[in-house]
Amino acid sequence: MRSTLLLCLFLLFQVSSGLAQNRAGATPAFRDGVYLQNGKVMRMQGGKASPLLTPVTMENGLVVNPDGNLVGRDGTRQQLREGQAVNQQGLVVRFSDDMRSEEAIRARRQQVTGETETRIALPGYGTVPSSLTTKLLRAEQRLDFLQQAAALLAERAAATAGSAPGTAPIDAQLRDLDAQLRR
């Protein structure tokens, strides 16, 4: 009886320490990048947020300064606004939506719907195999980039109709979207 009790305690200890290690190695809820929240420029790195103290250069050459000033490779300047973020690729995105990790999105979906995988029903074809889900999500992301590019092109066309000096920031954003689409 006593040995059974000791065995149960030992197994309980092993399980609880394994769970603690899983939590410690868990995927962060947010992707790495820089964001502005409550007037403070913060850096998210490895799931931990800290104030941005020195400039950070992103993959596309965009420099994010501690005051929230963004300087493009071509010298264009932009100010980071509340709720915006800059991802590692150097794209300005919405922090609350676009900086969540895939694992955090899956966990939230499971919490809300109870489902662990995405199912898409096609009339007459059943459901899409899970192997295509990633491709469909990527196509949705590319469509979003194309819509952003179309809006920027329309804005640029309107700007060049009046004067050409204001087109540099729009051109930089178009180059960024083009780079995303080529991936």
C-alpha atoms as a PDB file:
ATOM      1  CA  MET A   1       0.000   0.000   0.000  1.00  0.00           C
ATOM      2  CA  ARG A   2       2.737   2.402   1.012  1.00  0.00           C
ATOM      3  CA  SER A   3       4.815   1.594  -2.113  1.00  0.00           C
ATOM      4  CA  THR A   4       1.750   2.224  -4.284  1.00  0.00           C
ATOM      5  CA  LEU A   5       1.273   5.613  -2.643  1.00  0.00           C
ATOM      6  CA  LEU A   6       4.943   6.485  -3.196  1.00  0.00           C
ATOM      7  CA  LEU A   7       4.710   5.371  -6.822  1.00  0.00           C
ATOM      8  CA  CYS A   8       1.619   7.558  -7.339  1.00  0.00           C
ATOM      9  CA  LEU A   9       3.391  10.571  -5.785  1.00  0.00           C
ATOM     10  CA  PHE A  10       6.456   9.973  -7.941  1.00  0.00           C
ATOM     11  CA  LEU A  11       4.340   9.793 -11.125  1.00  0.00           C
ATOM     12  CA  LEU A  12       2.412  12.904 -10.123  1.00  0.00           C
ATOM     13  CA  PHE A  13       5.703  14.768  -9.633  1.00  0.00           C
ATOM     14  CA  GLN A  14       6.982  13.621 -13.051  1.00  0.00           C
ATOM     15  CA  VAL A  15       3.792  14.700 -14.823  1.00  0.00           C
ATOM     16  CA  SER A  16       3.678  18.105 -13.102  1.00  0.00           C
ATOM     17  CA  SER A  17       7.356  18.844 -13.848  1.00  0.00           C
ATOM     18  CA  GLY A  18       6.798  17.831 -17.491  1.00  0.00           C
ATOM     19  CA  LEU A  19       3.862  20.227 -17.729  1.00  0.00           C
ATOM     20  CA  ALA A  20       5.966  23.029 -16.277  1.00  0.00           C
ATOM     21  CA  GLN A  21       8.659  22.380 -18.878  1.00  0.00           C
ATOM     22  CA  ASN A  22       6.056  22.416 -21.665  1.00  0.00           C
ATOM     23  CA  ARG A  23       4.773  25.782 -20.470  1.00  0.00           C
ATOM     24  CA  ALA A  24       8.295  27.184 -20.308  1.00  0.00           C
ATOM     25  CA  GLY A  25       9.002  26.060 -23.889  1.00  0.00           C
ATOM     26  CA  ALA A  26       5.609  27.140 -25.212  1.00  0.00           C
ATOM     27  CA  THR A  27       5.304  29.162 -28.395  1.00  0.00           C
ATOM     28  CA  PRO A  28       4.988  32.906 -27.720  1.00  0.00           C
ATOM     29  CA  ALA A  29       1.574  34.490 -28.286  1.00  0.00           C
ATOM     30  CA  PHE A  30       3.043  37.253 -30.471  1.00  0.00           C
ATOM     31  CA  ARG A  31       5.602  37.313 -33.251  1.00  0.00           C
ATOM     32  CA  ASP A  32       8.811  39.279 -32.932  1.00  0.00           C
ATOM     33  CA  GLY A  33       8.680  42.934 -33.921  1.00  0.00           C
ATOM     34  CA  VAL A  34       8.187  46.457 -32.611  1.00  0.00           C
ATOM     35  CA  TYR A  35       4.874  48.074 -31.661  1.00  0.00           C
ATOM     36  CA  LEU A  36       3.403  51.226 -30.142  1.00  0.00           C
ATOM     37  CA  GLN A  37       1.089  50.753 -27.176  1.00  0.00           C
ATOM     38  CA  ASN A  38      -0.088  53.397 -24.711  1.00  0.00           C
ATOM     39  CA  GLY A  39       2.342  55.877 -26.257  1.00  0.00           C
ATOM     40  CA  LYS A  40       5.378  53.617 -25.656  1.00  0.00           C
ATOM     41  CA  VAL A  41       7.455  51.948 -28.363  1.00  0.00           C
ATOM     42  CA  MET A  42       7.945  48.327 -27.302  1.00  0.00           C
ATOM     43  CA  ARG A  43       9.927  45.428 -28.744  1.00  0.00           C
ATOM     44  CA  MET A  44       8.498  41.915 -28.761  1.00  0.00           C
ATOM     45  CA  GLN A  45      11.232  39.300 -28.829  1.00  0.00           C
ATOM     46  CA  GLY A  46      10.745  35.635 -28.012  1.00  0.00           C
ATOM     47  CA  GLY A  47       7.337  36.390 -26.511  1.00  0.00           C
ATOM     48  CA  LYS A  48       8.706  38.989 -24.095  1.00  0.00           C
ATOM     49  CA  ALA A  49       7.959  42.706 -24.401  1.00  0.00           C
ATOM     50  CA  SER A  50      10.459  45.375 -23.396  1.00  0.00           C
ATOM     51  CA  PRO A  51      10.848  49.103 -24.143  1.00  0.00           C
ATOM     52  CA  LEU A  52      12.765  49.812 -27.355  1.00  0.00           C
ATOM     53  CA  LEU A  53      15.965  51.550 -26.262  1.00  0.00           C
ATOM     54  CA  THR A  54      18.062  51.474 -29.444  1.00  0.00           C
ATOM     55  CA  PRO A  55      17.146  51.602 -33.148  1.00  0.00           C
ATOM     56  CA  VAL A  56      16.279  48.273 -34.779  1.00  0.00           C
ATOM     57  CA  THR A  57      16.795  47.474 -38.472  1.00  0.00           C
ATOM     58  CA  MET A  58      14.256  45.119 -40.033  1.00  0.00           C
ATOM     59  CA  GLU A  59      14.863  42.660 -42.906  1.00  0.00           C
ATOM     60  CA  ASN A  60      13.850  45.169 -45.605  1.00  0.00           C
ATOM     61  CA  GLY A  61      16.190  47.850 -44.211  1.00  0.00           C
ATOM     62  CA  LEU A  62      13.498  49.816 -42.367  1.00  0.00           C
ATOM     63  CA  VAL A  63      14.923  51.356 -39.186  1.00  0.00           C
ATOM     64  CA  VAL A  64      12.597  51.676 -36.182  1.00  0.00           C
ATOM     65  CA  ASN A  65      13.751  54.315 -33.695  1.00  0.00           C
ATOM     66  CA  PRO A  66      12.860  54.362 -29.972  1.00  0.00           C
ATOM     67  CA  ASP A  67      10.652  57.429 -30.548  1.00  0.00           C
ATOM     68  CA  GLY A  68       8.505  55.498 -33.063  1.00  0.00           C
ATOM     69  CA  ASN A  69      10.000  57.216 -36.095  1.00  0.00           C
ATOM     70  CA  LEU A  70      10.407  54.791 -39.020  1.00  0.00           C
ATOM     71  CA  VAL A  71      13.111  55.472 -41.617  1.00  0.00           C
ATOM     72  CA  GLY A  72      13.028  53.529 -44.873  1.00  0.00           C
ATOM     73  CA  ARG A  73      16.058  52.417 -46.829  1.00  0.00           C
ATOM     74  CA  ASP A  74      15.372  55.260 -49.288  1.00  0.00           C
ATOM     75  CA  GLY A  75      15.185  57.840 -46.474  1.00  0.00           C
ATOM     76  CA  THR A  76      11.399  58.105 -46.307  1.00  0.00           C
ATOM     77  CA  ARG A  77      10.044  58.768 -42.835  1.00  0.00           C
ATOM     78  CA  GLN A  78       6.874  57.643 -41.144  1.00  0.00           C
ATOM     79  CA  GLN A  79       5.625  57.779 -37.549  1.00  0.00           C
ATOM     80  CA  LEU A  80       4.388  54.596 -35.888  1.00  0.00           C
ATOM     81  CA  ARG A  81       0.818  55.126 -34.650  1.00  0.00           C
ATOM     82  CA  GLU A  82      -0.954  53.688 -31.615  1.00  0.00           C
ATOM     83  CA  GLY A  83      -1.851  50.042 -32.181  1.00  0.00           C
ATOM     84  CA  GLN A  84       0.509  49.640 -35.135  1.00  0.00           C
ATOM     85  CA  ALA A  85       3.465  47.272 -35.252  1.00  0.00           C
ATOM     86  CA  VAL A  86       6.419  46.594 -37.513  1.00  0.00           C
ATOM     87  CA  ASN A  87       7.056  42.914 -38.141  1.00  0.00           C
ATOM     88  CA  GLN A  88      10.510  41.388 -38.693  1.00  0.00           C
ATOM     89  CA  GLN A  89      10.117  41.783 -42.449  1.00  0.00           C
ATOM     90  CA  GLY A  90       9.677  45.545 -41.963  1.00  0.00           C
ATOM     91  CA  LEU A  91       5.985  45.815 -42.814  1.00  0.00           C
ATOM     92  CA  VAL A  92       3.717  48.102 -40.788  1.00  0.00           C
ATOM     93  CA  VAL A  93       0.758  46.015 -39.570  1.00  0.00           C
ATOM     94  CA  ARG A  94      -1.985  46.048 -36.917  1.00  0.00           C
ATOM     95  CA  PHE A  95      -0.502  44.726 -33.670  1.00  0.00           C
ATOM     96  CA  SER A  96      -3.690  43.138 -32.318  1.00  0.00           C
ATOM     97  CA  ASP A  97      -4.373  41.158 -35.495  1.00  0.00           C
ATOM     98  CA  ASP A  98      -1.258  40.642 -37.551  1.00  0.00           C
ATOM     99  CA  MET A  99       1.356  40.035 -34.860  1.00  0.00           C
ATOM    100  CA  ARG A 100      -0.318  37.035 -33.193  1.00  0.00           C
ATOM    101  CA  SER A 101       1.606  33.796 -33.648  1.00  0.00           C
ATOM    102  CA  GLU A 102       0.020  30.920 -35.531  1.00  0.00           C
ATOM    103  CA  GLU A 103      -0.029  28.898 -32.305  1.00  0.00           C
ATOM    104  CA  ALA A 104      -1.902  31.679 -30.492  1.00  0.00           C
ATOM    105  CA  ILE A 105      -4.444  31.849 -33.322  1.00  0.00           C
ATOM    106  CA  ARG A 106      -4.957  28.065 -33.201  1.00  0.00           C
ATOM    107  CA  ALA A 107      -5.340  28.128 -29.405  1.00  0.00           C
ATOM    108  CA  ARG A 108      -7.888  30.963 -29.573  1.00  0.00           C
ATOM    109  CA  ARG A 109      -9.842  29.187 -32.322  1.00  0.00           C
ATOM    110  CA  GLN A 110      -9.947  26.015 -30.256  1.00  0.00           C
ATOM    111  CA  GLN A 111     -11.018  27.982 -27.166  1.00  0.00           C
ATOM    112  CA  VAL A 112     -13.845  29.704 -29.052  1.00  0.00           C
ATOM    113  CA  THR A 113     -15.052  26.924 -31.359  1.00  0.00           C
ATOM    114  CA  GLY A 114     -13.697  23.768 -29.764  1.00  0.00           C
ATOM    115  CA  GLU A 115     -12.202  22.770 -33.131  1.00  0.00           C
ATOM    116  CA  THR A 116      -8.548  21.968 -33.622  1.00  0.00           C
ATOM    117  CA  GLU A 117      -8.400  22.113 -37.419  1.00  0.00           C
ATOM    118  CA  THR A 118      -9.832  24.268 -40.146  1.00  0.00           C
ATOM    119  CA  ARG A 119     -12.532  22.684 -42.271  1.00  0.00           C
ATOM    120  CA  ILE A 120     -13.834  24.295 -45.415  1.00  0.00           C
ATOM    121  CA  ALA A 121     -16.947  22.799 -46.984  1.00  0.00           C
ATOM    122  CA  LEU A 122     -17.308  22.849 -50.771  1.00  0.00           C
ATOM    123  CA  PRO A 123     -20.741  22.062 -52.178  1.00  0.00           C
ATOM    124  CA  GLY A 124     -20.561  18.713 -53.946  1.00  0.00           C
ATOM    125  CA  TYR A 125     -16.919  18.118 -52.967  1.00  0.00           C
ATOM    126  CA  GLY A 126     -17.040  17.512 -49.209  1.00  0.00           C
ATOM    127  CA  THR A 127     -14.326  19.190 -47.165  1.00  0.00           C
ATOM    128  CA  VAL A 128     -10.948  20.451 -48.305  1.00  0.00           C
ATOM    129  CA  PRO A 129      -8.082  18.220 -47.149  1.00  0.00           C
ATOM    130  CA  SER A 130      -6.044  19.716 -44.338  1.00  0.00           C
ATOM    131  CA  SER A 131      -2.977  19.746 -46.624  1.00  0.00           C
ATOM    132  CA  LEU A 132      -4.672  22.450 -48.715  1.00  0.00           C
ATOM    133  CA  THR A 133      -5.661  24.599 -45.746  1.00  0.00           C
ATOM    134  CA  THR A 134      -2.205  26.207 -45.547  1.00  0.00           C
ATOM    135  CA  LYS A 135      -2.263  26.972 -49.277  1.00  0.00           C
ATOM    136  CA  LEU A 136      -5.713  28.531 -48.986  1.00  0.00           C
ATOM    137  CA  LEU A 137      -4.632  30.678 -46.034  1.00  0.00           C
ATOM    138  CA  ARG A 138      -1.561  31.824 -48.010  1.00  0.00           C
ATOM    139  CA  ALA A 139      -3.792  32.691 -50.983  1.00  0.00           C
ATOM    140  CA  GLU A 140      -5.988  34.736 -48.646  1.00  0.00           C
ATOM    141  CA  GLN A 141      -2.911  36.583 -47.374  1.00  0.00           C
ATOM    142  CA  ARG A 142      -1.736  37.270 -50.936  1.00  0.00           C
ATOM    143  CA  LEU A 143      -5.190  38.623 -51.813  1.00  0.00           C
ATOM    144  CA  ASP A 144      -4.913  41.008 -48.856  1.00  0.00           C
ATOM    145  CA  PHE A 145      -1.504  42.186 -50.136  1.00  0.00           C
ATOM    146  CA  LEU A 146      -2.954  42.695 -53.619  1.00  0.00           C
ATOM    147  CA  GLN A 147      -5.822  44.756 -52.194  1.00  0.00           C
ATOM    148  CA  GLN A 148      -3.325  46.896 -50.277  1.00  0.00           C
ATOM    149  CA  ALA A 149      -1.250  47.334 -53.444  1.00  0.00           C
ATOM    150  CA  ALA A 150      -4.335  48.361 -55.441  1.00  0.00           C
ATOM    151  CA  ALA A 151      -5.261  50.951 -52.805  1.00  0.00           C
ATOM    152  CA  LEU A 152      -1.702  52.335 -52.787  1.00  0.00           C
ATOM    153  CA  LEU A 153      -1.609  52.488 -56.584  1.00  0.00           C
ATOM    154  CA  ALA A 154      -4.868  54.437 -56.591  1.00  0.00           C
ATOM    155  CA  GLU A 155      -3.464  56.779 -53.925  1.00  0.00           C
ATOM    156  CA  ARG A 156      -0.234  57.218 -55.905  1.00  0.00           C
ATOM    157  CA  ALA A 157      -2.132  57.947 -59.103  1.00  0.00           C
ATOM    158  CA  ALA A 158      -4.119  60.619 -57.300  1.00  0.00           C
ATOM    159  CA  ALA A 159      -0.920  62.085 -55.801  1.00  0.00           C
ATOM    160  CA  THR A 160       0.914  62.235 -59.135  1.00  0.00           C
ATOM    161  CA  ALA A 161      -2.029  63.926 -60.782  1.00  0.00           C
ATOM    162  CA  GLY A 162      -1.375  66.958 -58.568  1.00  0.00           C
ATOM    163  CA  SER A 163       2.312  66.798 -57.713  1.00  0.00           C
ATOM    164  CA  ALA A 164       5.050  64.139 -57.674  1.00  0.00           C
ATOM    165  CA  PRO A 165       6.952  64.873 -54.405  1.00  0.00           C
ATOM    166  CA  GLY A 166       4.512  62.940 -52.145  1.00  0.00           C
ATOM    167  CA  THR A 167       4.956  59.621 -53.939  1.00  0.00           C
ATOM    168  CA  ALA A 168       8.166  58.375 -52.258  1.00  0.00           C
ATOM    169  CA  PRO A 169       6.448  56.834 -49.180  1.00  0.00           C
ATOM    170  CA  ILE A 170       3.809  55.194 -51.351  1.00  0.00           C
ATOM    171  CA  ASP A 171       6.504  53.807 -53.672  1.00  0.00           C
ATOM    172  CA  ALA A 172       8.287  52.294 -50.650  1.00  0.00           C
ATOM    173  CA  GLN A 173       5.101  50.609 -49.474  1.00  0.00           C
ATOM    174  CA  LEU A 174       4.460  49.284 -52.987  1.00  0.00           C
ATOM    175  CA  ARG A 175       7.964  47.784 -53.084  1.00  0.00           C
ATOM    176  CA  ASP A 176       7.327  46.133 -49.703  1.00  0.00           C
ATOM    177  CA  LEU A 177       4.048  44.624 -50.894  1.00  0.00           C
ATOM    178  CA  ASP A 178       5.700  43.450 -54.100  1.00  0.00           C
ATOM    179  CA  ALA A 179       8.413  41.708 -52.057  1.00  0.00           C
ATOM    180  CA  GLN A 180       5.726  39.982 -49.946  1.00  0.00           C
ATOM    181  CA  LEU A 181       3.878  38.799 -53.053  1.00  0.00           C
ATOM    182  CA  ARG A 182       7.034  37.292 -54.560  1.00  0.00           C
ATOM    183  CA  ARG A 183       7.540  34.937 -51.593  1.00  0.00           C
END
